[in-house]
């Protein structure tokens, strides 16, 4: 048996487990169960999105631009990558095209249209053309107005953004610092070797 094939398989299994943990933690952040259609396509969608171009395959170019702008305001670039940088818009586009139900698709495109129409009405510019502060203010206002709705576009786009971000390979490797082959475990070491800080106080 080829040893490299074994190591490749082990690495793939490790990444799958990592994504499962990421999905569980994302569900905790959202405070709700993740949509079954999103779960069904998550692993394949993220793998495809990692190599996707910055163009849409299913959403219209305008819808893709608005979705990307919203995702970037949910997770903006700071000292860690923003949603756009790790391919979240492409992830959303693929989830929309291949895994959303027809009802989910209708809710999603209607939400994108509502966000852009509100931007045009208040600022006379499309949502993607607003400043970050203007985008944040508009999203907060529309999200608050939809809080009592049974199904909300804002929960949907937040769910997609968090799933796409925290299960992406760049975030897994460079932000979450996942190590598929960790070093040895030392159960009892002098506190001086870890900065003289006790994390159990």
N, C-alpha and C. Protein backbone atom coordinates (compact mmCIF):
# COMPACT_ATOMS: atom_id res chain seq x y z
N UNK A 1 0.85 -1.20 0.00
CA UNK A 1 0.00 0.00 0.00
C UNK A 1 0.87 1.23 0.00
N UNK A 2 0.48 2.26 -0.76
CA UNK A 2 1.26 3.48 -0.87
C UNK A 2 1.14 4.29 0.42
N UNK A 3 2.27 4.55 1.15
CA UNK A 3 2.21 5.30 2.40
C UNK A 3 1.65 6.69 2.22
N UNK A 4 1.95 7.32 1.05
CA UNK A 4 1.46 8.68 0.83
C UNK A 4 -0.04 8.72 0.76
N UNK A 5 -0.65 7.62 0.21
CA UNK A 5 -2.11 7.56 0.13
C UNK A 5 -2.71 7.52 1.51
N UNK A 6 -2.05 6.79 2.45
CA UNK A 6 -2.53 6.70 3.82
C UNK A 6 -2.49 8.06 4.49
N UNK A 7 -1.37 8.79 4.31
CA UNK A 7 -1.24 10.10 4.95
C UNK A 7 -2.23 11.09 4.38
N UNK A 8 -2.46 10.98 3.05
CA UNK A 8 -3.43 11.89 2.43
C UNK A 8 -4.82 11.63 2.97
N UNK A 9 -5.17 10.33 3.11
CA UNK A 9 -6.49 9.97 3.65
C UNK A 9 -6.64 10.45 5.07
N UNK A 10 -5.57 10.30 5.88
CA UNK A 10 -5.64 10.74 7.27
C UNK A 10 -5.83 12.24 7.36
N UNK A 11 -5.13 12.97 6.49
CA UNK A 11 -5.28 14.43 6.50
C UNK A 11 -6.68 14.84 6.11
N UNK A 12 -7.25 14.13 5.12
CA UNK A 12 -8.63 14.44 4.69
C UNK A 12 -9.60 14.17 5.82
N UNK A 13 -9.40 13.04 6.55
CA UNK A 13 -10.28 12.73 7.67
C UNK A 13 -10.16 13.79 8.74
N UNK A 14 -8.94 14.26 8.98
CA UNK A 14 -8.74 15.29 9.99
C UNK A 14 -9.45 16.57 9.64
N UNK A 15 -9.39 16.96 8.35
CA UNK A 15 -10.04 18.18 7.93
C UNK A 15 -11.55 18.04 8.04
N UNK A 16 -12.10 16.82 7.73
CA UNK A 16 -13.53 16.60 7.86
C UNK A 16 -13.97 16.76 9.30
N UNK A 17 -13.22 16.19 10.22
CA UNK A 17 -13.54 16.32 11.64
C UNK A 17 -13.50 17.78 12.05
N UNK A 18 -12.51 18.50 11.59
CA UNK A 18 -12.38 19.92 11.92
C UNK A 18 -13.60 20.69 11.44
N UNK A 19 -14.06 20.40 10.24
CA UNK A 19 -15.22 21.10 9.72
C UNK A 19 -16.47 20.75 10.52
N UNK A 20 -16.57 19.51 10.97
CA UNK A 20 -17.72 19.14 11.79
C UNK A 20 -17.73 19.94 13.09
N UNK A 21 -16.57 20.08 13.69
CA UNK A 21 -16.47 20.89 14.91
C UNK A 21 -16.84 22.34 14.59
N UNK A 22 -16.35 22.85 13.46
CA UNK A 22 -16.67 24.22 13.07
C UNK A 22 -18.16 24.41 12.87
N UNK A 23 -18.82 23.42 12.27
CA UNK A 23 -20.26 23.48 12.07
C UNK A 23 -20.99 23.53 13.41
N UNK A 24 -20.56 22.68 14.34
CA UNK A 24 -21.19 22.65 15.66
C UNK A 24 -21.02 23.99 16.37
N UNK A 25 -19.84 24.56 16.29
CA UNK A 25 -19.59 25.84 16.95
C UNK A 25 -20.36 26.97 16.28
N UNK A 26 -20.49 26.90 14.97
CA UNK A 26 -21.27 27.91 14.26
C UNK A 26 -22.72 27.84 14.68
N UNK A 27 -23.25 26.64 14.84
CA UNK A 27 -24.63 26.47 15.30
C UNK A 27 -24.81 27.07 16.69
N UNK A 28 -23.79 26.93 17.55
CA UNK A 28 -23.88 27.51 18.88
C UNK A 28 -23.89 29.03 18.81
N UNK A 29 -23.08 29.60 17.92
CA UNK A 29 -23.06 31.05 17.74
C UNK A 29 -24.42 31.55 17.27
N UNK A 30 -25.01 30.82 16.33
CA UNK A 30 -26.31 31.21 15.79
C UNK A 30 -27.44 30.98 16.78
N UNK A 31 -27.23 30.06 17.71
CA UNK A 31 -28.28 29.75 18.68
C UNK A 31 -29.43 28.99 18.06
N UNK A 32 -29.16 28.27 16.97
CA UNK A 32 -30.22 27.53 16.29
C UNK A 32 -29.61 26.40 15.49
N UNK A 33 -30.47 25.44 15.11
CA UNK A 33 -30.01 24.34 14.26
C UNK A 33 -29.76 24.87 12.86
N UNK A 34 -28.72 24.35 12.22
CA UNK A 34 -28.39 24.76 10.86
C UNK A 34 -29.37 24.12 9.89
N UNK A 35 -29.75 24.86 8.86
CA UNK A 35 -30.71 24.37 7.88
C UNK A 35 -30.24 23.05 7.27
N UNK A 36 -31.11 22.05 7.16
CA UNK A 36 -30.71 20.75 6.59
C UNK A 36 -30.12 20.87 5.19
N UNK A 37 -30.66 21.76 4.37
CA UNK A 37 -30.13 21.90 3.01
C UNK A 37 -28.71 22.44 3.02
N UNK A 38 -28.39 23.30 3.99
CA UNK A 38 -27.04 23.84 4.09
C UNK A 38 -26.07 22.75 4.55
N UNK A 39 -26.51 21.96 5.53
CA UNK A 39 -25.67 20.86 6.01
C UNK A 39 -25.38 19.85 4.91
N UNK A 40 -26.39 19.57 4.11
CA UNK A 40 -26.26 18.54 3.07
C UNK A 40 -25.15 18.87 2.09
N UNK A 41 -25.00 20.15 1.76
CA UNK A 41 -24.02 20.51 0.75
C UNK A 41 -22.76 21.14 1.27
N UNK A 42 -22.61 21.24 2.59
CA UNK A 42 -21.54 22.06 3.15
C UNK A 42 -20.14 21.64 2.75
N UNK A 43 -19.76 20.39 2.92
CA UNK A 43 -18.39 19.97 2.65
C UNK A 43 -18.03 20.13 1.17
N UNK A 44 -18.91 19.71 0.30
CA UNK A 44 -18.62 19.83 -1.13
C UNK A 44 -18.62 21.29 -1.57
N UNK A 45 -19.56 22.07 -1.05
CA UNK A 45 -19.65 23.47 -1.44
C UNK A 45 -18.42 24.24 -1.03
N UNK A 46 -17.94 24.00 0.19
CA UNK A 46 -16.77 24.74 0.64
C UNK A 46 -15.54 24.37 -0.18
N UNK A 47 -15.37 23.09 -0.51
CA UNK A 47 -14.22 22.68 -1.30
C UNK A 47 -14.23 23.33 -2.67
N UNK A 48 -15.40 23.40 -3.25
CA UNK A 48 -15.51 24.03 -4.57
C UNK A 48 -15.27 25.52 -4.49
N UNK A 49 -15.79 26.16 -3.44
CA UNK A 49 -15.68 27.60 -3.32
C UNK A 49 -14.25 28.05 -3.09
N UNK A 50 -13.43 27.19 -2.49
CA UNK A 50 -12.06 27.57 -2.19
C UNK A 50 -11.28 27.89 -3.46
N UNK A 51 -11.65 27.26 -4.58
CA UNK A 51 -10.95 27.50 -5.83
C UNK A 51 -11.77 28.33 -6.81
N UNK A 52 -12.87 28.86 -6.36
CA UNK A 52 -13.77 29.59 -7.26
C UNK A 52 -13.25 30.98 -7.57
N UNK A 53 -13.59 31.47 -8.73
CA UNK A 53 -13.24 32.85 -9.10
C UNK A 53 -14.18 33.80 -8.39
N UNK A 54 -13.89 35.08 -8.48
CA UNK A 54 -14.71 36.07 -7.80
C UNK A 54 -15.91 36.47 -8.66
N UNK A 55 -16.42 35.54 -9.43
CA UNK A 55 -17.60 35.77 -10.25
C UNK A 55 -18.66 34.75 -9.87
N UNK A 56 -19.92 35.14 -10.03
CA UNK A 56 -21.02 34.26 -9.65
C UNK A 56 -21.29 33.23 -10.75
N UNK A 57 -21.79 32.10 -10.32
CA UNK A 57 -22.23 31.07 -11.26
C UNK A 57 -23.75 30.93 -11.26
N UNK A 58 -24.40 31.35 -10.16
CA UNK A 58 -25.83 31.16 -10.01
C UNK A 58 -26.57 32.47 -9.72
N UNK A 59 -26.06 33.25 -8.81
CA UNK A 59 -26.65 34.57 -8.56
C UNK A 59 -26.32 35.49 -9.72
N UNK A 60 -27.14 36.53 -9.90
CA UNK A 60 -26.77 37.54 -10.89
C UNK A 60 -25.56 38.31 -10.37
N UNK A 61 -24.80 38.98 -11.25
CA UNK A 61 -23.65 39.76 -10.77
C UNK A 61 -24.02 40.77 -9.68
N UNK A 62 -25.18 41.41 -9.82
CA UNK A 62 -25.60 42.38 -8.80
C UNK A 62 -25.92 41.69 -7.48
N UNK A 63 -26.64 40.57 -7.54
CA UNK A 63 -26.95 39.82 -6.32
C UNK A 63 -25.67 39.34 -5.64
N UNK A 64 -24.72 38.88 -6.43
CA UNK A 64 -23.45 38.39 -5.92
C UNK A 64 -22.69 39.52 -5.21
N UNK A 65 -22.73 40.70 -5.81
CA UNK A 65 -22.05 41.86 -5.22
C UNK A 65 -22.68 42.25 -3.88
N UNK A 66 -24.01 42.26 -3.83
CA UNK A 66 -24.71 42.61 -2.59
C UNK A 66 -24.43 41.57 -1.51
N UNK A 67 -24.52 40.28 -1.87
CA UNK A 67 -24.27 39.21 -0.90
C UNK A 67 -22.85 39.30 -0.35
N UNK A 68 -21.88 39.59 -1.23
CA UNK A 68 -20.50 39.73 -0.79
C UNK A 68 -20.30 40.92 0.14
N UNK A 69 -20.99 42.02 -0.16
CA UNK A 69 -20.88 43.21 0.69
C UNK A 69 -21.48 42.96 2.07
N UNK A 70 -22.61 42.26 2.11
CA UNK A 70 -23.24 41.93 3.40
C UNK A 70 -22.33 41.00 4.21
N UNK A 71 -21.80 39.97 3.55
CA UNK A 71 -20.92 39.03 4.24
C UNK A 71 -19.69 39.74 4.81
N UNK A 72 -19.17 40.69 4.07
CA UNK A 72 -17.98 41.42 4.53
C UNK A 72 -18.29 42.30 5.73
N UNK A 73 -19.53 42.78 5.85
CA UNK A 73 -19.89 43.56 7.04
C UNK A 73 -20.15 42.65 8.23
N UNK A 74 -20.57 41.42 7.99
CA UNK A 74 -20.75 40.46 9.09
C UNK A 74 -19.38 40.06 9.64
N UNK A 75 -18.44 39.77 8.75
CA UNK A 75 -17.06 39.44 9.16
C UNK A 75 -16.11 40.30 8.35
N UNK A 76 -15.85 41.53 8.80
CA UNK A 76 -14.94 42.41 8.07
C UNK A 76 -13.48 42.04 8.30
N UNK A 77 -12.64 42.50 7.41
CA UNK A 77 -11.21 42.25 7.56
C UNK A 77 -10.65 43.11 8.69
N UNK A 78 -9.95 42.49 9.62
CA UNK A 78 -9.25 43.21 10.69
C UNK A 78 -7.81 42.71 10.67
N UNK A 79 -7.36 42.16 11.78
CA UNK A 79 -6.06 41.49 11.76
C UNK A 79 -6.20 40.04 11.28
N UNK A 80 -7.42 39.64 11.00
CA UNK A 80 -7.71 38.34 10.37
C UNK A 80 -8.44 38.60 9.06
N UNK A 81 -8.45 37.65 8.15
CA UNK A 81 -9.09 37.86 6.84
C UNK A 81 -10.59 38.14 6.99
N UNK A 82 -11.11 38.93 6.07
CA UNK A 82 -12.54 39.17 6.02
C UNK A 82 -13.24 38.08 5.21
N UNK A 83 -14.56 38.16 5.17
CA UNK A 83 -15.35 37.13 4.48
C UNK A 83 -15.00 37.04 3.00
N UNK A 84 -14.81 38.17 2.34
CA UNK A 84 -14.49 38.14 0.91
C UNK A 84 -13.16 37.45 0.65
N UNK A 85 -12.19 37.72 1.51
CA UNK A 85 -10.83 37.22 1.29
C UNK A 85 -10.74 35.70 1.31
N UNK A 86 -11.62 35.06 2.08
CA UNK A 86 -11.56 33.59 2.17
C UNK A 86 -12.60 32.91 1.29
N UNK A 87 -13.26 33.67 0.41
CA UNK A 87 -14.16 33.06 -0.56
C UNK A 87 -15.59 32.84 -0.12
N UNK A 88 -16.04 33.57 0.91
CA UNK A 88 -17.42 33.38 1.37
C UNK A 88 -18.46 33.72 0.30
N UNK A 89 -18.29 34.81 -0.49
CA UNK A 89 -19.30 35.07 -1.53
C UNK A 89 -19.45 33.91 -2.51
N UNK A 90 -18.33 33.27 -2.90
CA UNK A 90 -18.41 32.12 -3.81
C UNK A 90 -19.10 30.94 -3.13
N UNK A 91 -18.85 30.77 -1.83
CA UNK A 91 -19.53 29.72 -1.06
C UNK A 91 -21.04 29.96 -1.05
N UNK A 92 -21.44 31.19 -0.79
CA UNK A 92 -22.87 31.53 -0.78
C UNK A 92 -23.48 31.28 -2.15
N UNK A 93 -22.79 31.68 -3.20
CA UNK A 93 -23.29 31.50 -4.56
C UNK A 93 -23.52 30.02 -4.87
N UNK A 94 -22.57 29.17 -4.49
CA UNK A 94 -22.70 27.74 -4.76
C UNK A 94 -23.80 27.11 -3.91
N UNK A 95 -23.90 27.52 -2.65
CA UNK A 95 -24.98 27.00 -1.80
C UNK A 95 -26.34 27.40 -2.37
N UNK A 96 -26.44 28.64 -2.87
CA UNK A 96 -27.68 29.09 -3.48
C UNK A 96 -28.02 28.25 -4.71
N UNK A 97 -27.03 28.04 -5.56
CA UNK A 97 -27.30 27.38 -6.83
C UNK A 97 -27.56 25.89 -6.72
N UNK A 98 -26.92 25.21 -5.77
CA UNK A 98 -26.98 23.75 -5.75
C UNK A 98 -27.66 23.13 -4.54
N UNK A 99 -27.82 23.89 -3.45
CA UNK A 99 -28.28 23.24 -2.23
C UNK A 99 -29.49 23.88 -1.58
N UNK A 100 -29.80 25.12 -1.86
CA UNK A 100 -30.99 25.73 -1.26
C UNK A 100 -32.25 25.15 -1.86
N UNK A 101 -33.30 25.08 -1.04
CA UNK A 101 -34.62 24.72 -1.56
C UNK A 101 -35.18 25.91 -2.31
N UNK A 102 -36.25 25.70 -3.06
CA UNK A 102 -36.86 26.80 -3.81
C UNK A 102 -37.36 27.90 -2.87
N UNK A 103 -37.92 27.51 -1.72
CA UNK A 103 -38.38 28.51 -0.76
C UNK A 103 -37.21 29.32 -0.20
N UNK A 104 -36.11 28.64 0.09
CA UNK A 104 -34.92 29.34 0.60
C UNK A 104 -34.36 30.30 -0.45
N UNK A 105 -34.38 29.88 -1.71
CA UNK A 105 -33.90 30.75 -2.77
C UNK A 105 -34.75 32.02 -2.88
N UNK A 106 -36.07 31.84 -2.82
CA UNK A 106 -36.97 33.00 -2.92
C UNK A 106 -36.73 33.96 -1.76
N UNK A 107 -36.58 33.42 -0.55
CA UNK A 107 -36.31 34.26 0.62
C UNK A 107 -34.99 35.01 0.46
N UNK A 108 -33.99 34.33 -0.06
CA UNK A 108 -32.67 34.92 -0.18
C UNK A 108 -32.64 36.06 -1.19
N UNK A 109 -33.16 35.82 -2.39
CA UNK A 109 -33.11 36.88 -3.41
C UNK A 109 -34.02 38.04 -3.05
N UNK A 110 -35.15 37.75 -2.37
CA UNK A 110 -36.02 38.84 -1.91
C UNK A 110 -35.31 39.68 -0.87
N UNK A 111 -34.54 39.04 0.02
CA UNK A 111 -33.78 39.78 1.03
C UNK A 111 -32.71 40.65 0.42
N UNK A 112 -32.00 40.12 -0.57
CA UNK A 112 -30.98 40.92 -1.27
C UNK A 112 -31.62 42.15 -1.93
N UNK A 113 -32.77 41.92 -2.57
CA UNK A 113 -33.47 43.03 -3.23
C UNK A 113 -33.93 44.07 -2.21
N UNK A 114 -34.42 43.62 -1.06
CA UNK A 114 -34.87 44.54 -0.02
C UNK A 114 -33.72 45.40 0.49
N UNK A 115 -32.58 44.79 0.72
CA UNK A 115 -31.41 45.52 1.21
C UNK A 115 -31.00 46.59 0.20
N UNK A 116 -30.95 46.22 -1.07
CA UNK A 116 -30.51 47.18 -2.09
C UNK A 116 -31.55 48.28 -2.29
N UNK A 117 -32.84 47.93 -2.25
CA UNK A 117 -33.89 48.94 -2.40
C UNK A 117 -33.85 49.94 -1.25
N UNK A 118 -33.60 49.46 -0.03
CA UNK A 118 -33.51 50.36 1.12
C UNK A 118 -32.33 51.30 0.98
N UNK A 119 -31.23 50.81 0.45
CA UNK A 119 -30.06 51.67 0.22
C UNK A 119 -30.37 52.74 -0.81
N UNK A 120 -31.05 52.35 -1.88
CA UNK A 120 -31.42 53.32 -2.91
C UNK A 120 -32.37 54.37 -2.37
N UNK A 121 -33.30 53.95 -1.52
CA UNK A 121 -34.30 54.88 -0.99
C UNK A 121 -33.70 55.89 -0.02
N UNK A 122 -32.72 55.46 0.77
CA UNK A 122 -32.16 56.35 1.80
C UNK A 122 -30.90 57.08 1.36
N UNK A 123 -30.10 56.44 0.50
CA UNK A 123 -28.81 57.03 0.13
C UNK A 123 -28.66 57.29 -1.37
N UNK A 124 -29.65 56.87 -2.15
CA UNK A 124 -29.61 57.02 -3.60
C UNK A 124 -28.40 56.31 -4.22
N UNK A 125 -27.98 55.26 -3.59
CA UNK A 125 -26.90 54.41 -4.10
C UNK A 125 -27.22 52.98 -3.75
N UNK A 126 -26.69 52.05 -4.54
CA UNK A 126 -26.86 50.64 -4.22
C UNK A 126 -26.11 50.30 -2.94
N UNK A 127 -26.50 49.18 -2.32
CA UNK A 127 -25.89 48.82 -1.04
C UNK A 127 -24.38 48.66 -1.15
N UNK A 128 -23.90 48.04 -2.22
CA UNK A 128 -22.46 47.81 -2.36
C UNK A 128 -21.67 49.11 -2.48
N UNK A 129 -22.34 50.20 -2.85
CA UNK A 129 -21.67 51.49 -3.01
C UNK A 129 -21.66 52.34 -1.76
N UNK A 130 -22.29 51.88 -0.68
CA UNK A 130 -22.32 52.63 0.56
C UNK A 130 -21.02 52.47 1.33
N UNK A 131 -20.76 53.41 2.23
CA UNK A 131 -19.60 53.28 3.12
C UNK A 131 -19.88 52.17 4.14
N UNK A 132 -18.83 51.62 4.75
CA UNK A 132 -19.06 50.57 5.77
C UNK A 132 -20.01 51.01 6.88
N UNK A 133 -19.88 52.24 7.35
CA UNK A 133 -20.77 52.73 8.42
C UNK A 133 -22.21 52.79 7.94
N UNK A 134 -22.41 53.25 6.71
CA UNK A 134 -23.77 53.32 6.15
C UNK A 134 -24.35 51.92 5.96
N UNK A 135 -23.52 51.00 5.51
CA UNK A 135 -23.98 49.62 5.36
C UNK A 135 -24.38 49.02 6.70
N UNK A 136 -23.56 49.24 7.72
CA UNK A 136 -23.86 48.70 9.04
C UNK A 136 -25.18 49.25 9.58
N UNK A 137 -25.37 50.56 9.44
CA UNK A 137 -26.59 51.20 9.95
C UNK A 137 -27.83 50.64 9.25
N UNK A 138 -27.74 50.47 7.94
CA UNK A 138 -28.87 49.95 7.17
C UNK A 138 -29.17 48.50 7.55
N UNK A 139 -28.13 47.68 7.66
CA UNK A 139 -28.34 46.28 8.01
C UNK A 139 -28.93 46.13 9.40
N UNK A 140 -28.47 46.95 10.35
CA UNK A 140 -29.04 46.90 11.71
C UNK A 140 -30.53 47.25 11.69
N UNK A 141 -30.87 48.27 10.93
CA UNK A 141 -32.27 48.70 10.89
C UNK A 141 -33.16 47.62 10.28
N UNK A 142 -32.74 47.04 9.16
CA UNK A 142 -33.55 46.02 8.51
C UNK A 142 -33.59 44.72 9.32
N UNK A 143 -32.48 44.39 9.97
CA UNK A 143 -32.45 43.17 10.80
C UNK A 143 -33.39 43.30 11.99
N UNK A 144 -33.41 44.47 12.60
CA UNK A 144 -34.31 44.71 13.73
C UNK A 144 -35.77 44.59 13.30
N UNK A 145 -36.07 45.11 12.11
CA UNK A 145 -37.44 45.06 11.61
C UNK A 145 -37.91 43.64 11.30
N UNK A 146 -36.97 42.74 11.07
CA UNK A 146 -37.34 41.36 10.70
C UNK A 146 -37.26 40.38 11.87
N UNK A 147 -37.00 40.87 13.07
CA UNK A 147 -36.78 39.99 14.21
C UNK A 147 -37.97 39.08 14.52
N UNK A 148 -39.17 39.57 14.32
CA UNK A 148 -40.35 38.78 14.68
C UNK A 148 -40.85 37.88 13.55
N UNK A 149 -40.12 37.87 12.43
CA UNK A 149 -40.51 37.00 11.32
C UNK A 149 -40.05 35.58 11.60
N UNK A 150 -40.90 34.61 11.22
CA UNK A 150 -40.57 33.21 11.47
C UNK A 150 -39.33 32.79 10.66
N UNK A 151 -39.28 33.23 9.41
CA UNK A 151 -38.11 32.96 8.58
C UNK A 151 -37.52 34.30 8.14
N UNK A 152 -36.25 34.48 8.43
CA UNK A 152 -35.62 35.78 8.19
C UNK A 152 -34.45 35.65 7.23
N UNK A 153 -34.38 36.55 6.28
CA UNK A 153 -33.22 36.63 5.38
C UNK A 153 -31.95 36.89 6.17
N UNK A 154 -32.05 37.67 7.24
CA UNK A 154 -30.84 38.05 7.98
C UNK A 154 -30.26 36.87 8.75
N UNK A 155 -31.10 36.00 9.25
CA UNK A 155 -30.57 34.78 9.86
C UNK A 155 -29.94 33.90 8.77
N UNK A 156 -30.59 33.82 7.63
CA UNK A 156 -30.11 33.00 6.52
C UNK A 156 -28.73 33.46 6.05
N UNK A 157 -28.56 34.77 5.82
CA UNK A 157 -27.28 35.25 5.30
C UNK A 157 -26.19 35.19 6.37
N UNK A 158 -26.57 35.38 7.63
CA UNK A 158 -25.59 35.24 8.72
C UNK A 158 -25.12 33.79 8.83
N UNK A 159 -26.07 32.86 8.73
CA UNK A 159 -25.75 31.44 8.80
C UNK A 159 -24.79 31.05 7.68
N UNK A 160 -25.08 31.48 6.46
CA UNK A 160 -24.23 31.16 5.33
C UNK A 160 -22.84 31.77 5.48
N UNK A 161 -22.79 33.01 5.96
CA UNK A 161 -21.50 33.69 6.12
C UNK A 161 -20.63 33.00 7.15
N UNK A 162 -21.21 32.68 8.31
CA UNK A 162 -20.43 32.03 9.37
C UNK A 162 -19.98 30.63 8.96
N UNK A 163 -20.88 29.89 8.32
CA UNK A 163 -20.50 28.55 7.85
C UNK A 163 -19.39 28.62 6.81
N UNK A 164 -19.55 29.52 5.85
CA UNK A 164 -18.53 29.65 4.81
C UNK A 164 -17.19 30.09 5.37
N UNK A 165 -17.23 30.98 6.34
CA UNK A 165 -15.99 31.52 6.90
C UNK A 165 -15.26 30.51 7.77
N UNK A 166 -15.96 29.96 8.75
CA UNK A 166 -15.29 29.12 9.74
C UNK A 166 -14.97 27.71 9.24
N UNK A 167 -15.55 27.31 8.11
CA UNK A 167 -15.17 26.02 7.53
C UNK A 167 -14.24 26.18 6.33
N UNK A 168 -13.80 27.40 6.04
CA UNK A 168 -12.87 27.60 4.93
C UNK A 168 -11.47 27.15 5.31
N UNK A 169 -10.74 26.70 4.32
CA UNK A 169 -9.38 26.23 4.58
C UNK A 169 -8.45 27.33 5.09
N UNK A 170 -8.48 28.57 4.52
CA UNK A 170 -7.60 29.61 5.03
C UNK A 170 -7.83 29.92 6.51
N UNK A 171 -9.09 29.94 6.93
CA UNK A 171 -9.39 30.23 8.34
C UNK A 171 -8.98 29.05 9.21
N UNK A 172 -9.25 27.84 8.74
CA UNK A 172 -8.87 26.65 9.51
C UNK A 172 -7.37 26.57 9.73
N UNK A 173 -6.60 26.95 8.72
CA UNK A 173 -5.15 26.83 8.83
C UNK A 173 -4.50 28.02 9.52
N UNK A 174 -5.01 29.23 9.24
CA UNK A 174 -4.29 30.43 9.68
C UNK A 174 -4.94 31.19 10.82
N UNK A 175 -6.23 30.96 11.06
CA UNK A 175 -6.92 31.67 12.14
C UNK A 175 -7.20 30.72 13.30
N UNK A 176 -7.81 29.57 13.01
CA UNK A 176 -8.08 28.59 14.06
C UNK A 176 -6.85 27.76 14.40
N UNK A 177 -5.84 27.80 13.53
CA UNK A 177 -4.57 27.12 13.77
C UNK A 177 -4.75 25.63 14.03
N UNK A 178 -5.53 24.99 13.19
CA UNK A 178 -5.72 23.54 13.32
C UNK A 178 -4.43 22.82 12.94
N UNK A 179 -3.99 21.90 13.77
CA UNK A 179 -2.80 21.09 13.53
C UNK A 179 -3.21 19.63 13.46
N UNK A 180 -3.26 19.02 12.26
CA UNK A 180 -3.72 17.64 12.14
C UNK A 180 -2.78 16.63 12.79
N UNK A 181 -1.50 17.01 12.98
CA UNK A 181 -0.54 16.12 13.63
C UNK A 181 0.12 16.89 14.77
N UNK A 182 -0.55 17.00 15.92
CA UNK A 182 -0.01 17.81 17.01
C UNK A 182 1.25 17.20 17.60
N UNK A 183 2.00 18.04 18.31
CA UNK A 183 3.21 17.56 18.98
C UNK A 183 2.86 16.74 20.20
N UNK A 184 3.87 16.38 20.95
CA UNK A 184 3.65 15.52 22.12
C UNK A 184 2.86 16.25 23.20
N UNK A 185 2.20 15.50 24.03
CA UNK A 185 1.42 16.07 25.14
C UNK A 185 2.23 15.96 26.43
N UNK A 186 2.46 17.11 27.06
CA UNK A 186 3.13 17.14 28.36
C UNK A 186 2.09 17.55 29.39
N UNK A 187 1.67 16.60 30.20
CA UNK A 187 0.58 16.85 31.14
C UNK A 187 0.96 17.69 32.34
N UNK A 188 2.23 17.71 32.70
CA UNK A 188 2.64 18.46 33.89
C UNK A 188 3.98 19.11 33.60
N UNK A 189 3.97 20.43 33.43
CA UNK A 189 5.21 21.15 33.15
C UNK A 189 5.33 22.33 34.10
N UNK A 190 6.54 22.80 34.35
CA UNK A 190 6.72 23.97 35.23
C UNK A 190 5.99 25.18 34.68
N UNK A 191 5.32 25.91 35.55
CA UNK A 191 4.57 27.08 35.11
C UNK A 191 5.48 28.13 34.48
N UNK A 192 6.76 28.11 34.85
CA UNK A 192 7.70 29.08 34.28
C UNK A 192 7.87 28.89 32.77
N UNK A 193 7.57 27.68 32.28
CA UNK A 193 7.74 27.41 30.85
C UNK A 193 6.56 27.89 30.03
N UNK A 194 5.49 28.31 30.68
CA UNK A 194 4.31 28.81 29.96
C UNK A 194 4.00 30.24 30.36
N UNK A 195 5.03 31.01 30.69
CA UNK A 195 4.85 32.42 30.96
C UNK A 195 4.41 32.76 32.35
N UNK A 196 4.55 31.81 33.31
CA UNK A 196 4.15 32.05 34.71
C UNK A 196 2.70 32.47 34.83
N UNK A 197 1.85 31.95 33.94
CA UNK A 197 0.41 32.28 33.99
C UNK A 197 -0.37 31.01 34.26
N UNK A 198 -1.22 31.05 35.26
CA UNK A 198 -2.11 29.92 35.57
C UNK A 198 -3.49 30.22 35.01
N UNK A 199 -3.95 29.36 34.09
CA UNK A 199 -5.25 29.58 33.46
C UNK A 199 -6.40 29.00 34.29
N UNK A 200 -6.09 28.44 35.45
CA UNK A 200 -7.15 27.85 36.28
C UNK A 200 -7.54 28.75 37.42
N UNK A 201 -6.93 29.94 37.52
CA UNK A 201 -7.25 30.82 38.64
C UNK A 201 -8.65 31.39 38.49
